[in-house]
Amino acid sequence: MRNIAKGPAPLSLLQHRRAAHAGYDNYADKQSLRDSLVAEQRGICCFCMSRIDADPAHLKVAHWHSQSRHPEEQLDYGNLLGACLGGAGAARSMQHCDTRQGDADLSRNPANRAHDVESWVRFEGDGTISSSDPVFDRELNEVLNLNIAWLKANRAAMLAAFKTMLDKRGHLGPEAWKQMLRDWNGESDAGPLRPFCQVVIYWLRKRLARE
């Protein structure tokens, strides 16, 4: 999970909010919403960081606060996130992200700057994601199911591949480490981020802190 810098809401969403009896279900231009969410999240799921695109067959519009429990926020752009399908249709034990979350509340929104989720999550070498905040840690595991086996394996594989690349490059100076962090954090270009990129970013930040 990484922080999301929200951009402006789609014009069609702003216009729809002013209409009588406006709700999420009768919002017609959901494609513009999907396009905006995928663009600002740089092509990765708001929770697990797997690849997403704006095709409705491969993307869920997640409500951080659910529509059923917080109907007043159903058209609040800050409450809307782009999520992967999260094992929709599978057994609950195999579901993750928004599909697993359902109507449950989360204490931290990756799109809320004040929540700063990056400062509250850590990644282990085996791909485990955890938090020093016991409430958020429980949510990562029980509400979002982000330590499901295949997600852990993908995060661990990303870090292992990165370390293999480092072994081939040899000694690096401080500026090279900083540039590498900028590249992985998407500061060098505006294209999609690498899936599961945050596990490498977390490792690089720890490495730079030792310089």
N, C-alpha and C. Protein backbone atom coordinates (compact mmCIF):
# COMPACT_ATOMS: atom_id res chain seq x y z
N MET A 1 0.85 -1.18 0.00
CA MET A 1 0.00 0.00 0.00
C MET A 1 0.89 1.24 0.00
N ARG A 2 0.49 2.25 -0.77
CA ARG A 2 1.26 3.48 -0.87
C ARG A 2 0.30 4.66 -0.87
N ASN A 3 0.83 5.85 -0.57
CA ASN A 3 0.01 7.05 -0.60
C ASN A 3 -0.43 7.36 -2.03
N ILE A 4 -1.64 7.87 -2.16
CA ILE A 4 -2.20 8.25 -3.45
C ILE A 4 -2.45 9.74 -3.45
N ALA A 5 -1.90 10.43 -4.44
CA ALA A 5 -2.14 11.87 -4.58
C ALA A 5 -3.37 12.07 -5.46
N LYS A 6 -4.48 12.43 -4.86
CA LYS A 6 -5.71 12.59 -5.62
C LYS A 6 -5.63 13.81 -6.52
N GLY A 7 -6.09 13.64 -7.76
CA GLY A 7 -6.22 14.74 -8.69
C GLY A 7 -7.63 15.32 -8.63
N PRO A 8 -7.96 16.19 -9.57
CA PRO A 8 -9.32 16.75 -9.60
C PRO A 8 -10.34 15.68 -9.98
N ALA A 9 -11.52 15.80 -9.43
CA ALA A 9 -12.59 14.86 -9.77
C ALA A 9 -13.02 15.06 -11.21
N PRO A 10 -13.45 14.00 -11.89
CA PRO A 10 -13.97 14.16 -13.26
C PRO A 10 -15.13 15.15 -13.28
N LEU A 11 -15.17 15.95 -14.33
CA LEU A 11 -16.23 16.95 -14.45
C LEU A 11 -17.61 16.31 -14.39
N SER A 12 -17.76 15.15 -15.02
CA SER A 12 -19.07 14.49 -15.04
C SER A 12 -19.51 14.10 -13.63
N LEU A 13 -18.55 13.75 -12.76
CA LEU A 13 -18.89 13.40 -11.38
C LEU A 13 -19.36 14.64 -10.63
N LEU A 14 -18.66 15.76 -10.81
CA LEU A 14 -19.06 17.00 -10.16
C LEU A 14 -20.45 17.43 -10.62
N GLN A 15 -20.73 17.29 -11.91
CA GLN A 15 -22.03 17.67 -12.43
C GLN A 15 -23.12 16.74 -11.89
N HIS A 16 -22.82 15.46 -11.82
CA HIS A 16 -23.80 14.49 -11.32
C HIS A 16 -24.14 14.75 -9.86
N ARG A 17 -23.16 15.17 -9.08
CA ARG A 17 -23.42 15.42 -7.66
C ARG A 17 -24.43 16.53 -7.44
N ARG A 18 -24.55 17.43 -8.42
CA ARG A 18 -25.50 18.55 -8.29
C ARG A 18 -26.91 18.18 -8.73
N ALA A 19 -27.08 17.00 -9.33
CA ALA A 19 -28.39 16.58 -9.82
C ALA A 19 -29.26 16.07 -8.67
N ALA A 20 -30.56 16.17 -8.87
CA ALA A 20 -31.50 15.66 -7.87
C ALA A 20 -31.41 14.13 -7.80
N HIS A 21 -31.47 13.61 -6.58
CA HIS A 21 -31.46 12.17 -6.33
C HIS A 21 -30.17 11.51 -6.86
N ALA A 22 -29.08 12.24 -6.86
CA ALA A 22 -27.82 11.70 -7.35
C ALA A 22 -27.26 10.66 -6.39
N GLY A 23 -26.81 9.55 -6.95
CA GLY A 23 -26.14 8.50 -6.19
C GLY A 23 -25.11 7.83 -7.05
N TYR A 24 -24.32 6.96 -6.45
CA TYR A 24 -23.28 6.30 -7.25
C TYR A 24 -23.89 5.38 -8.30
N ASP A 25 -24.94 4.67 -7.94
CA ASP A 25 -25.52 3.69 -8.86
C ASP A 25 -26.11 4.34 -10.12
N ASN A 26 -26.61 5.57 -10.01
CA ASN A 26 -27.17 6.21 -11.20
C ASN A 26 -26.21 7.20 -11.85
N TYR A 27 -24.95 7.12 -11.48
CA TYR A 27 -23.91 7.92 -12.14
C TYR A 27 -23.55 7.21 -13.46
N ALA A 28 -23.82 7.86 -14.57
CA ALA A 28 -23.72 7.20 -15.87
C ALA A 28 -22.28 7.13 -16.42
N ASP A 29 -21.46 8.10 -16.10
CA ASP A 29 -20.14 8.20 -16.74
C ASP A 29 -19.05 7.57 -15.87
N LYS A 30 -19.23 6.32 -15.51
CA LYS A 30 -18.24 5.67 -14.65
C LYS A 30 -16.91 5.44 -15.37
N GLN A 31 -16.92 5.45 -16.71
CA GLN A 31 -15.66 5.25 -17.40
C GLN A 31 -14.70 6.41 -17.15
N SER A 32 -15.23 7.64 -17.12
CA SER A 32 -14.36 8.78 -16.80
C SER A 32 -13.79 8.63 -15.40
N LEU A 33 -14.58 8.12 -14.48
CA LEU A 33 -14.11 7.89 -13.12
C LEU A 33 -13.01 6.84 -13.10
N ARG A 34 -13.23 5.74 -13.80
CA ARG A 34 -12.20 4.69 -13.85
C ARG A 34 -10.91 5.23 -14.45
N ASP A 35 -11.03 5.99 -15.54
CA ASP A 35 -9.83 6.57 -16.17
C ASP A 35 -9.05 7.44 -15.18
N SER A 36 -9.76 8.27 -14.44
CA SER A 36 -9.10 9.18 -13.49
C SER A 36 -8.42 8.41 -12.37
N LEU A 37 -9.09 7.41 -11.83
CA LEU A 37 -8.53 6.64 -10.72
C LEU A 37 -7.27 5.89 -11.14
N VAL A 38 -7.32 5.24 -12.30
CA VAL A 38 -6.17 4.48 -12.76
C VAL A 38 -5.00 5.41 -13.05
N ALA A 39 -5.29 6.57 -13.64
CA ALA A 39 -4.21 7.53 -13.96
C ALA A 39 -3.53 8.04 -12.71
N GLU A 40 -4.29 8.45 -11.70
CA GLU A 40 -3.66 9.03 -10.51
C GLU A 40 -2.99 7.96 -9.64
N GLN A 41 -3.42 6.71 -9.77
CA GLN A 41 -2.77 5.62 -9.02
C GLN A 41 -1.65 4.98 -9.83
N ARG A 42 -1.41 5.51 -11.00
CA ARG A 42 -0.29 5.06 -11.85
C ARG A 42 -0.39 3.57 -12.16
N GLY A 43 -1.64 3.09 -12.34
CA GLY A 43 -1.84 1.73 -12.83
C GLY A 43 -1.69 0.63 -11.82
N ILE A 44 -1.75 0.94 -10.51
CA ILE A 44 -1.67 -0.13 -9.51
C ILE A 44 -2.83 -0.02 -8.52
N CYS A 45 -3.24 -1.16 -8.00
CA CYS A 45 -4.35 -1.25 -7.06
C CYS A 45 -4.07 -0.43 -5.80
N CYS A 46 -5.09 0.24 -5.31
CA CYS A 46 -4.95 1.10 -4.14
C CYS A 46 -4.55 0.34 -2.88
N PHE A 47 -4.78 -0.97 -2.85
CA PHE A 47 -4.48 -1.75 -1.65
C PHE A 47 -3.30 -2.71 -1.84
N CYS A 48 -3.38 -3.60 -2.81
CA CYS A 48 -2.33 -4.63 -2.94
C CYS A 48 -1.23 -4.25 -3.91
N MET A 49 -1.44 -3.22 -4.74
CA MET A 49 -0.45 -2.72 -5.69
C MET A 49 -0.23 -3.65 -6.88
N SER A 50 -1.18 -4.54 -7.16
CA SER A 50 -1.11 -5.32 -8.39
C SER A 50 -1.58 -4.44 -9.55
N ARG A 51 -1.32 -4.87 -10.78
CA ARG A 51 -1.64 -4.07 -11.96
C ARG A 51 -3.17 -3.93 -12.13
N ILE A 52 -3.61 -2.72 -12.46
CA ILE A 52 -5.00 -2.47 -12.81
C ILE A 52 -5.04 -1.66 -14.10
N ASP A 53 -6.17 -1.72 -14.80
CA ASP A 53 -6.41 -0.81 -15.90
C ASP A 53 -7.86 -0.38 -15.87
N ALA A 54 -8.24 0.53 -16.73
CA ALA A 54 -9.56 1.16 -16.63
C ALA A 54 -10.68 0.34 -17.22
N ASP A 55 -10.40 -0.84 -17.69
CA ASP A 55 -11.42 -1.74 -18.22
C ASP A 55 -12.29 -2.23 -17.05
N PRO A 56 -13.61 -2.06 -17.13
CA PRO A 56 -14.45 -2.50 -16.00
C PRO A 56 -14.36 -3.99 -15.70
N ALA A 57 -13.86 -4.77 -16.66
CA ALA A 57 -13.69 -6.20 -16.41
C ALA A 57 -12.46 -6.49 -15.56
N HIS A 58 -11.62 -5.45 -15.33
CA HIS A 58 -10.39 -5.65 -14.57
C HIS A 58 -10.21 -4.62 -13.46
N LEU A 59 -11.26 -3.90 -13.13
CA LEU A 59 -11.16 -2.85 -12.12
C LEU A 59 -12.44 -2.73 -11.32
N LYS A 60 -12.30 -2.54 -10.02
CA LYS A 60 -13.43 -2.21 -9.16
C LYS A 60 -13.24 -0.78 -8.65
N VAL A 61 -14.30 -0.01 -8.64
CA VAL A 61 -14.25 1.29 -7.98
C VAL A 61 -14.57 1.04 -6.51
N ALA A 62 -13.56 1.22 -5.68
CA ALA A 62 -13.71 0.95 -4.25
C ALA A 62 -14.15 2.20 -3.52
N HIS A 63 -15.07 2.02 -2.58
CA HIS A 63 -15.46 3.09 -1.66
C HIS A 63 -14.74 2.82 -0.34
N TRP A 64 -13.78 3.69 0.01
CA TRP A 64 -13.07 3.50 1.27
C TRP A 64 -14.07 3.41 2.42
N HIS A 65 -14.99 4.34 2.50
CA HIS A 65 -16.17 4.22 3.36
C HIS A 65 -17.30 3.68 2.51
N SER A 66 -17.88 2.56 2.90
CA SER A 66 -18.85 1.87 2.06
C SER A 66 -20.10 2.72 1.81
N GLN A 67 -20.75 2.44 0.67
CA GLN A 67 -21.98 3.15 0.33
C GLN A 67 -23.08 2.86 1.33
N SER A 68 -23.14 1.63 1.82
CA SER A 68 -24.24 1.26 2.71
C SER A 68 -24.12 1.93 4.08
N ARG A 69 -22.91 2.08 4.58
CA ARG A 69 -22.73 2.64 5.92
C ARG A 69 -22.47 4.14 5.89
N HIS A 70 -22.03 4.66 4.74
CA HIS A 70 -21.72 6.08 4.63
C HIS A 70 -22.29 6.63 3.31
N PRO A 71 -23.60 6.59 3.13
CA PRO A 71 -24.19 7.01 1.85
C PRO A 71 -23.86 8.45 1.48
N GLU A 72 -23.60 9.29 2.47
CA GLU A 72 -23.28 10.69 2.18
C GLU A 72 -21.93 10.85 1.50
N GLU A 73 -21.10 9.81 1.50
CA GLU A 73 -19.78 9.87 0.88
C GLU A 73 -19.69 9.11 -0.44
N GLN A 74 -20.81 8.61 -0.94
CA GLN A 74 -20.74 7.73 -2.11
C GLN A 74 -20.27 8.43 -3.37
N LEU A 75 -20.40 9.76 -3.42
CA LEU A 75 -19.94 10.53 -4.58
C LEU A 75 -18.78 11.48 -4.22
N ASP A 76 -18.21 11.28 -3.06
CA ASP A 76 -17.05 12.06 -2.63
C ASP A 76 -15.81 11.48 -3.31
N TYR A 77 -15.18 12.25 -4.17
CA TYR A 77 -14.05 11.72 -4.95
C TYR A 77 -12.90 11.25 -4.04
N GLY A 78 -12.71 11.88 -2.92
CA GLY A 78 -11.67 11.45 -1.99
C GLY A 78 -11.95 10.10 -1.38
N ASN A 79 -13.19 9.64 -1.48
CA ASN A 79 -13.59 8.34 -0.94
C ASN A 79 -13.52 7.23 -1.98
N LEU A 80 -13.22 7.59 -3.23
CA LEU A 80 -13.25 6.64 -4.33
C LEU A 80 -11.83 6.25 -4.74
N LEU A 81 -11.61 4.95 -4.89
CA LEU A 81 -10.30 4.41 -5.20
C LEU A 81 -10.42 3.35 -6.28
N GLY A 82 -9.33 3.11 -6.99
CA GLY A 82 -9.30 2.04 -7.98
C GLY A 82 -8.68 0.79 -7.41
N ALA A 83 -9.42 -0.31 -7.44
CA ALA A 83 -8.95 -1.56 -6.84
C ALA A 83 -8.99 -2.69 -7.86
N CYS A 84 -8.18 -3.70 -7.62
CA CYS A 84 -8.22 -4.91 -8.44
C CYS A 84 -9.50 -5.69 -8.13
N LEU A 85 -9.74 -6.76 -8.86
CA LEU A 85 -10.96 -7.54 -8.63
C LEU A 85 -10.90 -8.32 -7.32
N GLY A 86 -9.72 -8.54 -6.79
CA GLY A 86 -9.59 -9.11 -5.45
C GLY A 86 -10.17 -10.49 -5.26
N GLY A 87 -10.08 -11.34 -6.28
CA GLY A 87 -10.60 -12.70 -6.13
C GLY A 87 -12.11 -12.77 -6.08
N ALA A 88 -12.78 -11.84 -6.75
CA ALA A 88 -14.25 -11.86 -6.78
C ALA A 88 -14.75 -13.21 -7.28
N GLY A 89 -15.70 -13.78 -6.55
CA GLY A 89 -16.25 -15.08 -6.90
C GLY A 89 -15.56 -16.25 -6.24
N ALA A 90 -14.37 -16.02 -5.68
CA ALA A 90 -13.63 -17.08 -4.99
C ALA A 90 -14.13 -17.21 -3.55
N ALA A 91 -13.66 -18.23 -2.87
CA ALA A 91 -13.97 -18.39 -1.45
C ALA A 91 -13.45 -17.18 -0.69
N ARG A 92 -14.12 -16.83 0.41
CA ARG A 92 -13.74 -15.64 1.16
C ARG A 92 -12.27 -15.68 1.58
N SER A 93 -11.75 -16.85 1.91
CA SER A 93 -10.35 -16.95 2.34
C SER A 93 -9.38 -16.57 1.23
N MET A 94 -9.85 -16.59 -0.03
CA MET A 94 -9.01 -16.25 -1.17
C MET A 94 -9.27 -14.83 -1.68
N GLN A 95 -10.19 -14.12 -1.07
CA GLN A 95 -10.50 -12.76 -1.49
C GLN A 95 -9.58 -11.77 -0.79
N HIS A 96 -9.38 -10.62 -1.44
CA HIS A 96 -8.54 -9.58 -0.85
C HIS A 96 -9.00 -8.22 -1.38
N CYS A 97 -8.39 -7.18 -0.84
CA CYS A 97 -8.66 -5.79 -1.25
C CYS A 97 -10.14 -5.45 -1.09
N ASP A 98 -10.73 -4.71 -2.02
CA ASP A 98 -12.10 -4.23 -1.86
C ASP A 98 -13.11 -5.37 -1.80
N THR A 99 -12.87 -6.43 -2.55
CA THR A 99 -13.80 -7.57 -2.53
C THR A 99 -13.89 -8.15 -1.13
N ARG A 100 -12.76 -8.29 -0.47
CA ARG A 100 -12.74 -8.83 0.89
C ARG A 100 -13.28 -7.80 1.89
N GLN A 101 -13.00 -6.53 1.67
CA GLN A 101 -13.40 -5.48 2.61
C GLN A 101 -14.91 -5.42 2.78
N GLY A 102 -15.64 -5.51 1.68
CA GLY A 102 -17.09 -5.41 1.77
C GLY A 102 -17.52 -4.10 2.41
N ASP A 103 -18.34 -4.16 3.43
CA ASP A 103 -18.84 -2.97 4.11
C ASP A 103 -18.01 -2.57 5.33
N ALA A 104 -16.93 -3.29 5.58
CA ALA A 104 -16.11 -2.99 6.76
C ALA A 104 -15.40 -1.65 6.60
N ASP A 105 -15.22 -0.94 7.68
CA ASP A 105 -14.49 0.33 7.66
C ASP A 105 -12.99 0.08 7.82
N LEU A 106 -12.21 0.99 7.26
CA LEU A 106 -10.76 1.00 7.45
C LEU A 106 -10.38 2.27 8.19
N SER A 107 -9.35 2.19 9.01
CA SER A 107 -8.94 3.36 9.80
C SER A 107 -8.10 4.33 8.99
N ARG A 108 -7.49 3.86 7.89
CA ARG A 108 -6.60 4.72 7.11
C ARG A 108 -6.93 4.62 5.63
N ASN A 109 -7.00 5.80 5.00
CA ASN A 109 -7.30 5.90 3.57
C ASN A 109 -6.01 6.26 2.83
N PRO A 110 -5.55 5.44 1.88
CA PRO A 110 -4.31 5.76 1.18
C PRO A 110 -4.38 7.06 0.38
N ALA A 111 -5.59 7.57 0.14
CA ALA A 111 -5.75 8.82 -0.60
C ALA A 111 -5.91 10.04 0.30
N ASN A 112 -5.77 9.84 1.60
CA ASN A 112 -5.87 10.94 2.55
C ASN A 112 -4.46 11.27 3.04
N ARG A 113 -3.96 12.45 2.68
CA ARG A 113 -2.59 12.82 3.05
C ARG A 113 -2.35 12.74 4.55
N ALA A 114 -3.36 13.12 5.32
CA ALA A 114 -3.20 13.12 6.77
C ALA A 114 -3.00 11.71 7.33
N HIS A 115 -3.49 10.71 6.62
CA HIS A 115 -3.36 9.33 7.10
C HIS A 115 -1.98 8.74 6.80
N ASP A 116 -1.31 9.21 5.75
CA ASP A 116 0.07 8.85 5.42
C ASP A 116 0.32 7.35 5.62
N VAL A 117 -0.35 6.52 4.84
CA VAL A 117 -0.25 5.07 5.06
C VAL A 117 1.18 4.55 4.91
N GLU A 118 1.99 5.22 4.08
CA GLU A 118 3.36 4.73 3.88
C GLU A 118 4.17 4.74 5.18
N SER A 119 3.85 5.66 6.07
CA SER A 119 4.59 5.73 7.33
C SER A 119 4.11 4.67 8.33
N TRP A 120 3.03 3.98 7.99
CA TRP A 120 2.46 3.01 8.92
C TRP A 120 2.59 1.57 8.46
N VAL A 121 3.17 1.35 7.27
CA VAL A 121 3.33 -0.02 6.80
C VAL A 121 4.81 -0.35 6.63
N ARG A 122 5.13 -1.62 6.81
CA ARG A 122 6.49 -2.11 6.57
C ARG A 122 6.40 -3.42 5.80
N PHE A 123 7.48 -3.75 5.09
CA PHE A 123 7.53 -4.96 4.29
C PHE A 123 8.72 -5.80 4.70
N GLU A 124 8.48 -7.08 4.92
CA GLU A 124 9.54 -8.02 5.29
C GLU A 124 10.07 -8.70 4.03
N GLY A 125 11.22 -9.35 4.16
CA GLY A 125 11.83 -10.00 3.01
C GLY A 125 10.99 -11.12 2.42
N ASP A 126 10.12 -11.73 3.25
CA ASP A 126 9.28 -12.82 2.73
C ASP A 126 7.99 -12.30 2.10
N GLY A 127 7.88 -10.96 1.97
CA GLY A 127 6.70 -10.38 1.33
C GLY A 127 5.59 -9.99 2.28
N THR A 128 5.76 -10.21 3.56
CA THR A 128 4.73 -9.85 4.54
C THR A 128 4.60 -8.34 4.64
N ILE A 129 3.37 -7.86 4.68
CA ILE A 129 3.10 -6.45 4.96
C ILE A 129 2.50 -6.38 6.36
N SER A 130 2.94 -5.40 7.14
CA SER A 130 2.45 -5.27 8.51
C SER A 130 2.48 -3.81 8.91
N SER A 131 1.96 -3.53 10.11
CA SER A 131 1.94 -2.17 10.64
C SER A 131 2.22 -2.19 12.13
N SER A 132 2.88 -1.13 12.60
CA SER A 132 3.12 -1.00 14.04
C SER A 132 1.85 -0.60 14.78
N ASP A 133 0.86 -0.11 14.05
CA ASP A 133 -0.44 0.23 14.64
C ASP A 133 -1.28 -1.04 14.68
N PRO A 134 -1.62 -1.57 15.85
CA PRO A 134 -2.33 -2.85 15.92
C PRO A 134 -3.69 -2.84 15.22
N VAL A 135 -4.36 -1.71 15.23
CA VAL A 135 -5.66 -1.63 14.55
C VAL A 135 -5.47 -1.76 13.04
N PHE A 136 -4.53 -0.98 12.50
CA PHE A 136 -4.28 -1.02 11.07
C PHE A 136 -3.69 -2.37 10.67
N ASP A 137 -2.86 -2.95 11.52
CA ASP A 137 -2.29 -4.27 11.23
C ASP A 137 -3.39 -5.32 11.10
N ARG A 138 -4.36 -5.26 12.00
CA ARG A 138 -5.48 -6.20 11.91
C ARG A 138 -6.26 -5.99 10.62
N GLU A 139 -6.45 -4.74 10.22
CA GLU A 139 -7.18 -4.45 8.99
C GLU A 139 -6.44 -4.96 7.76
N LEU A 140 -5.10 -4.80 7.74
CA LEU A 140 -4.31 -5.31 6.62
C LEU A 140 -4.49 -6.81 6.46
N ASN A 141 -4.58 -7.51 7.59
CA ASN A 141 -4.67 -8.96 7.56
C ASN A 141 -6.10 -9.48 7.45
N GLU A 142 -6.99 -8.96 8.25
CA GLU A 142 -8.33 -9.53 8.33
C GLU A 142 -9.34 -8.86 7.40
N VAL A 143 -9.25 -7.55 7.24
CA VAL A 143 -10.21 -6.84 6.40
C VAL A 143 -9.79 -6.89 4.93
N LEU A 144 -8.51 -6.62 4.66
CA LEU A 144 -8.03 -6.59 3.27
C LEU A 144 -7.34 -7.89 2.83
N ASN A 145 -6.95 -8.71 3.79
CA ASN A 145 -6.31 -10.00 3.49
C ASN A 145 -5.07 -9.84 2.61
N LEU A 146 -4.24 -8.84 2.92
CA LEU A 146 -3.10 -8.53 2.06
C LEU A 146 -1.92 -9.47 2.27
N ASN A 147 -2.01 -10.39 3.22
CA ASN A 147 -0.95 -11.38 3.38
C ASN A 147 -1.36 -12.75 2.87
N ILE A 148 -2.33 -12.75 1.96
CA ILE A 148 -2.68 -13.98 1.27
C ILE A 148 -1.43 -14.49 0.53
N ALA A 149 -1.31 -15.80 0.39
CA ALA A 149 -0.06 -16.41 -0.08
C ALA A 149 0.45 -15.84 -1.40
N TRP A 150 -0.43 -15.64 -2.39
CA TRP A 150 0.07 -15.22 -3.71
C TRP A 150 0.55 -13.77 -3.68
N LEU A 151 -0.07 -12.93 -2.84
CA LEU A 151 0.41 -11.55 -2.73
C LEU A 151 1.76 -11.50 -2.04
N LYS A 152 1.93 -12.27 -0.97
CA LYS A 152 3.23 -12.33 -0.31
C LYS A 152 4.31 -12.82 -1.28
N ALA A 153 3.97 -13.84 -2.05
CA ALA A 153 4.95 -14.40 -3.00
C ALA A 153 5.34 -13.38 -4.06
N ASN A 154 4.39 -12.61 -4.56
CA ASN A 154 4.70 -11.61 -5.58
C ASN A 154 5.55 -10.48 -5.01
N ARG A 155 5.26 -10.05 -3.79
CA ARG A 155 6.08 -9.00 -3.18
C ARG A 155 7.50 -9.51 -2.93
N ALA A 156 7.61 -10.74 -2.43
CA ALA A 156 8.94 -11.31 -2.17
C ALA A 156 9.72 -11.48 -3.47
N ALA A 157 9.04 -11.90 -4.53
CA ALA A 157 9.70 -12.09 -5.82
C ALA A 157 10.19 -10.76 -6.39
N MET A 158 9.40 -9.70 -6.21
CA MET A 158 9.81 -8.39 -6.70
C MET A 158 11.08 -7.94 -5.98
N LEU A 159 11.14 -8.11 -4.66
CA LEU A 159 12.32 -7.71 -3.90
C LEU A 159 13.53 -8.57 -4.26
N ALA A 160 13.31 -9.86 -4.44
CA ALA A 160 14.41 -10.76 -4.78
C ALA A 160 14.99 -10.41 -6.15
N ALA A 161 14.12 -10.11 -7.12
CA ALA A 161 14.60 -9.74 -8.45
C ALA A 161 15.39 -8.43 -8.40
N PHE A 162 14.92 -7.51 -7.58
CA PHE A 162 15.62 -6.23 -7.42
C PHE A 162 17.01 -6.45 -6.83
N LYS A 163 17.11 -7.29 -5.81
CA LYS A 163 18.40 -7.55 -5.18
C LYS A 163 19.36 -8.27 -6.13
N THR A 164 18.81 -9.14 -6.97
CA THR A 164 19.64 -9.79 -7.98
C THR A 164 20.22 -8.77 -8.95
N MET A 165 19.40 -7.80 -9.34
CA MET A 165 19.87 -6.74 -10.21
C MET A 165 20.98 -5.94 -9.54
N LEU A 166 20.83 -5.67 -8.24
CA LEU A 166 21.86 -4.94 -7.50
C LEU A 166 23.18 -5.69 -7.48
N ASP A 167 23.11 -6.99 -7.31
CA ASP A 167 24.34 -7.80 -7.27
C ASP A 167 25.12 -7.66 -8.57
N LYS A 168 24.42 -7.52 -9.67
CA LYS A 168 25.07 -7.40 -10.98
C LYS A 168 25.68 -6.02 -11.19
N ARG A 169 25.14 -5.02 -10.50
CA ARG A 169 25.63 -3.66 -10.69
C ARG A 169 26.86 -3.33 -9.86
N GLY A 170 27.07 -4.04 -8.79
CA GLY A 170 28.23 -3.78 -7.96
C GLY A 170 28.03 -2.57 -7.06
N HIS A 171 29.14 -1.94 -6.68
CA HIS A 171 29.09 -0.83 -5.73
C HIS A 171 28.33 0.37 -6.30
N LEU A 172 27.48 0.97 -5.45
CA LEU A 172 26.73 2.17 -5.84
C LEU A 172 26.98 3.27 -4.82
N GLY A 173 27.12 4.50 -5.31
CA GLY A 173 27.28 5.64 -4.42
C GLY A 173 25.94 6.19 -3.99
N PRO A 174 25.94 7.12 -3.03
CA PRO A 174 24.70 7.69 -2.50
C PRO A 174 23.77 8.27 -3.57
N GLU A 175 24.34 8.97 -4.55
CA GLU A 175 23.51 9.57 -5.58
C GLU A 175 22.81 8.52 -6.43
N ALA A 176 23.50 7.41 -6.68
CA ALA A 176 22.90 6.33 -7.45
C ALA A 176 21.72 5.71 -6.70
N TRP A 177 21.87 5.56 -5.36
CA TRP A 177 20.77 5.03 -4.55
C TRP A 177 19.57 5.99 -4.60
N LYS A 178 19.85 7.28 -4.50
CA LYS A 178 18.76 8.26 -4.53
C LYS A 178 18.04 8.27 -5.87
N GLN A 179 18.79 8.15 -6.95
CA GLN A 179 18.17 8.11 -8.27
C GLN A 179 17.33 6.85 -8.44
N MET A 180 17.81 5.76 -7.92
CA MET A 180 17.06 4.51 -7.99
C MET A 180 15.73 4.65 -7.25
N LEU A 181 15.76 5.30 -6.09
CA LEU A 181 14.53 5.52 -5.34
C LEU A 181 13.57 6.41 -6.13
N ARG A 182 14.08 7.45 -6.75
CA ARG A 182 13.22 8.32 -7.56
C ARG A 182 12.60 7.54 -8.72
N ASP A 183 13.38 6.66 -9.33
CA ASP A 183 12.87 5.88 -10.45
C ASP A 183 11.74 4.95 -10.00
N TRP A 184 11.95 4.24 -8.90
CA TRP A 184 10.93 3.31 -8.42
C TRP A 184 9.70 4.03 -7.90
N ASN A 185 9.89 5.24 -7.42
CA ASN A 185 8.77 6.02 -6.89
C ASN A 185 8.02 6.77 -7.99
N GLY A 186 8.44 6.61 -9.22
CA GLY A 186 7.75 7.22 -10.33
C GLY A 186 8.02 8.69 -10.52
N GLU A 187 9.14 9.18 -9.98
CA GLU A 187 9.45 10.60 -10.11
C GLU A 187 10.17 10.93 -11.40
N SER A 188 10.70 9.92 -12.08
CA SER A 188 11.48 10.15 -13.29
C SER A 188 10.62 10.24 -14.55
N ASP A 189 9.42 9.68 -14.51
CA ASP A 189 8.50 9.78 -15.64
C ASP A 189 7.09 9.63 -15.11
N ALA A 190 6.11 9.88 -15.96
CA ALA A 190 4.71 9.87 -15.54
C ALA A 190 3.99 8.58 -15.91
N GLY A 191 4.74 7.57 -16.31
CA GLY A 191 4.13 6.31 -16.73
C GLY A 191 3.65 5.47 -15.55
N PRO A 192 3.13 4.28 -15.85
CA PRO A 192 2.65 3.39 -14.79
C PRO A 192 3.78 2.97 -13.85
N LEU A 193 3.45 2.78 -12.61
CA LEU A 193 4.40 2.24 -11.64
C LEU A 193 4.52 0.73 -11.82
N ARG A 194 5.61 0.18 -11.35
CA ARG A 194 5.76 -1.27 -11.37
C ARG A 194 4.82 -1.88 -10.33
N PRO A 195 4.15 -2.98 -10.65
CA PRO A 195 3.34 -3.66 -9.62
C PRO A 195 4.19 -4.00 -8.40
N PHE A 196 3.63 -3.86 -7.23
CA PHE A 196 4.28 -4.18 -5.96
C PHE A 196 5.54 -3.34 -5.71
N CYS A 197 5.60 -2.17 -6.34
CA CYS A 197 6.79 -1.32 -6.26
C CYS A 197 7.13 -0.89 -4.83
N GLN A 198 6.13 -0.80 -3.98
CA GLN A 198 6.39 -0.20 -2.67
C GLN A 198 7.31 -1.05 -1.81
N VAL A 199 7.35 -2.36 -2.06
CA VAL A 199 8.25 -3.20 -1.27
C VAL A 199 9.71 -2.82 -1.56
N VAL A 200 10.03 -2.48 -2.80
CA VAL A 200 11.38 -2.05 -3.16
C VAL A 200 11.64 -0.63 -2.63
N ILE A 201 10.64 0.24 -2.74
CA ILE A 201 10.78 1.61 -2.24
C ILE A 201 11.05 1.59 -0.73
N TYR A 202 10.34 0.75 -0.01
CA TYR A 202 10.55 0.61 1.43
C TYR A 202 11.99 0.17 1.71
N TRP A 203 12.48 -0.83 0.96
CA TRP A 203 13.84 -1.33 1.14
C TRP A 203 14.87 -0.23 0.84
N LEU A 204 14.64 0.52 -0.25
CA LEU A 204 15.57 1.57 -0.63
C LEU A 204 15.62 2.69 0.42
N ARG A 205 14.46 3.04 0.96
CA ARG A 205 14.45 4.07 2.00
C ARG A 205 15.25 3.62 3.23
N LYS A 206 15.11 2.38 3.60
CA LYS A 206 15.88 1.87 4.73
C LYS A 206 17.37 1.88 4.40
N ARG A 207 17.70 1.52 3.17
CA ARG A 207 19.11 1.49 2.76
C ARG A 207 19.71 2.91 2.79
N LEU A 208 18.95 3.87 2.28
CA LEU A 208 19.44 5.26 2.27
C LEU A 208 19.56 5.85 3.68
N ALA A 209 18.71 5.39 4.59
CA ALA A 209 18.77 5.88 5.97
C ALA A 209 20.06 5.49 6.66
N ARG A 210 20.74 4.47 6.11
CA ARG A 210 22.01 4.02 6.69
C ARG A 210 23.21 4.77 6.14
N GLU A 211 22.98 5.58 5.10
CA GLU A 211 24.09 6.32 4.49
C GLU A 211 24.60 7.44 5.41
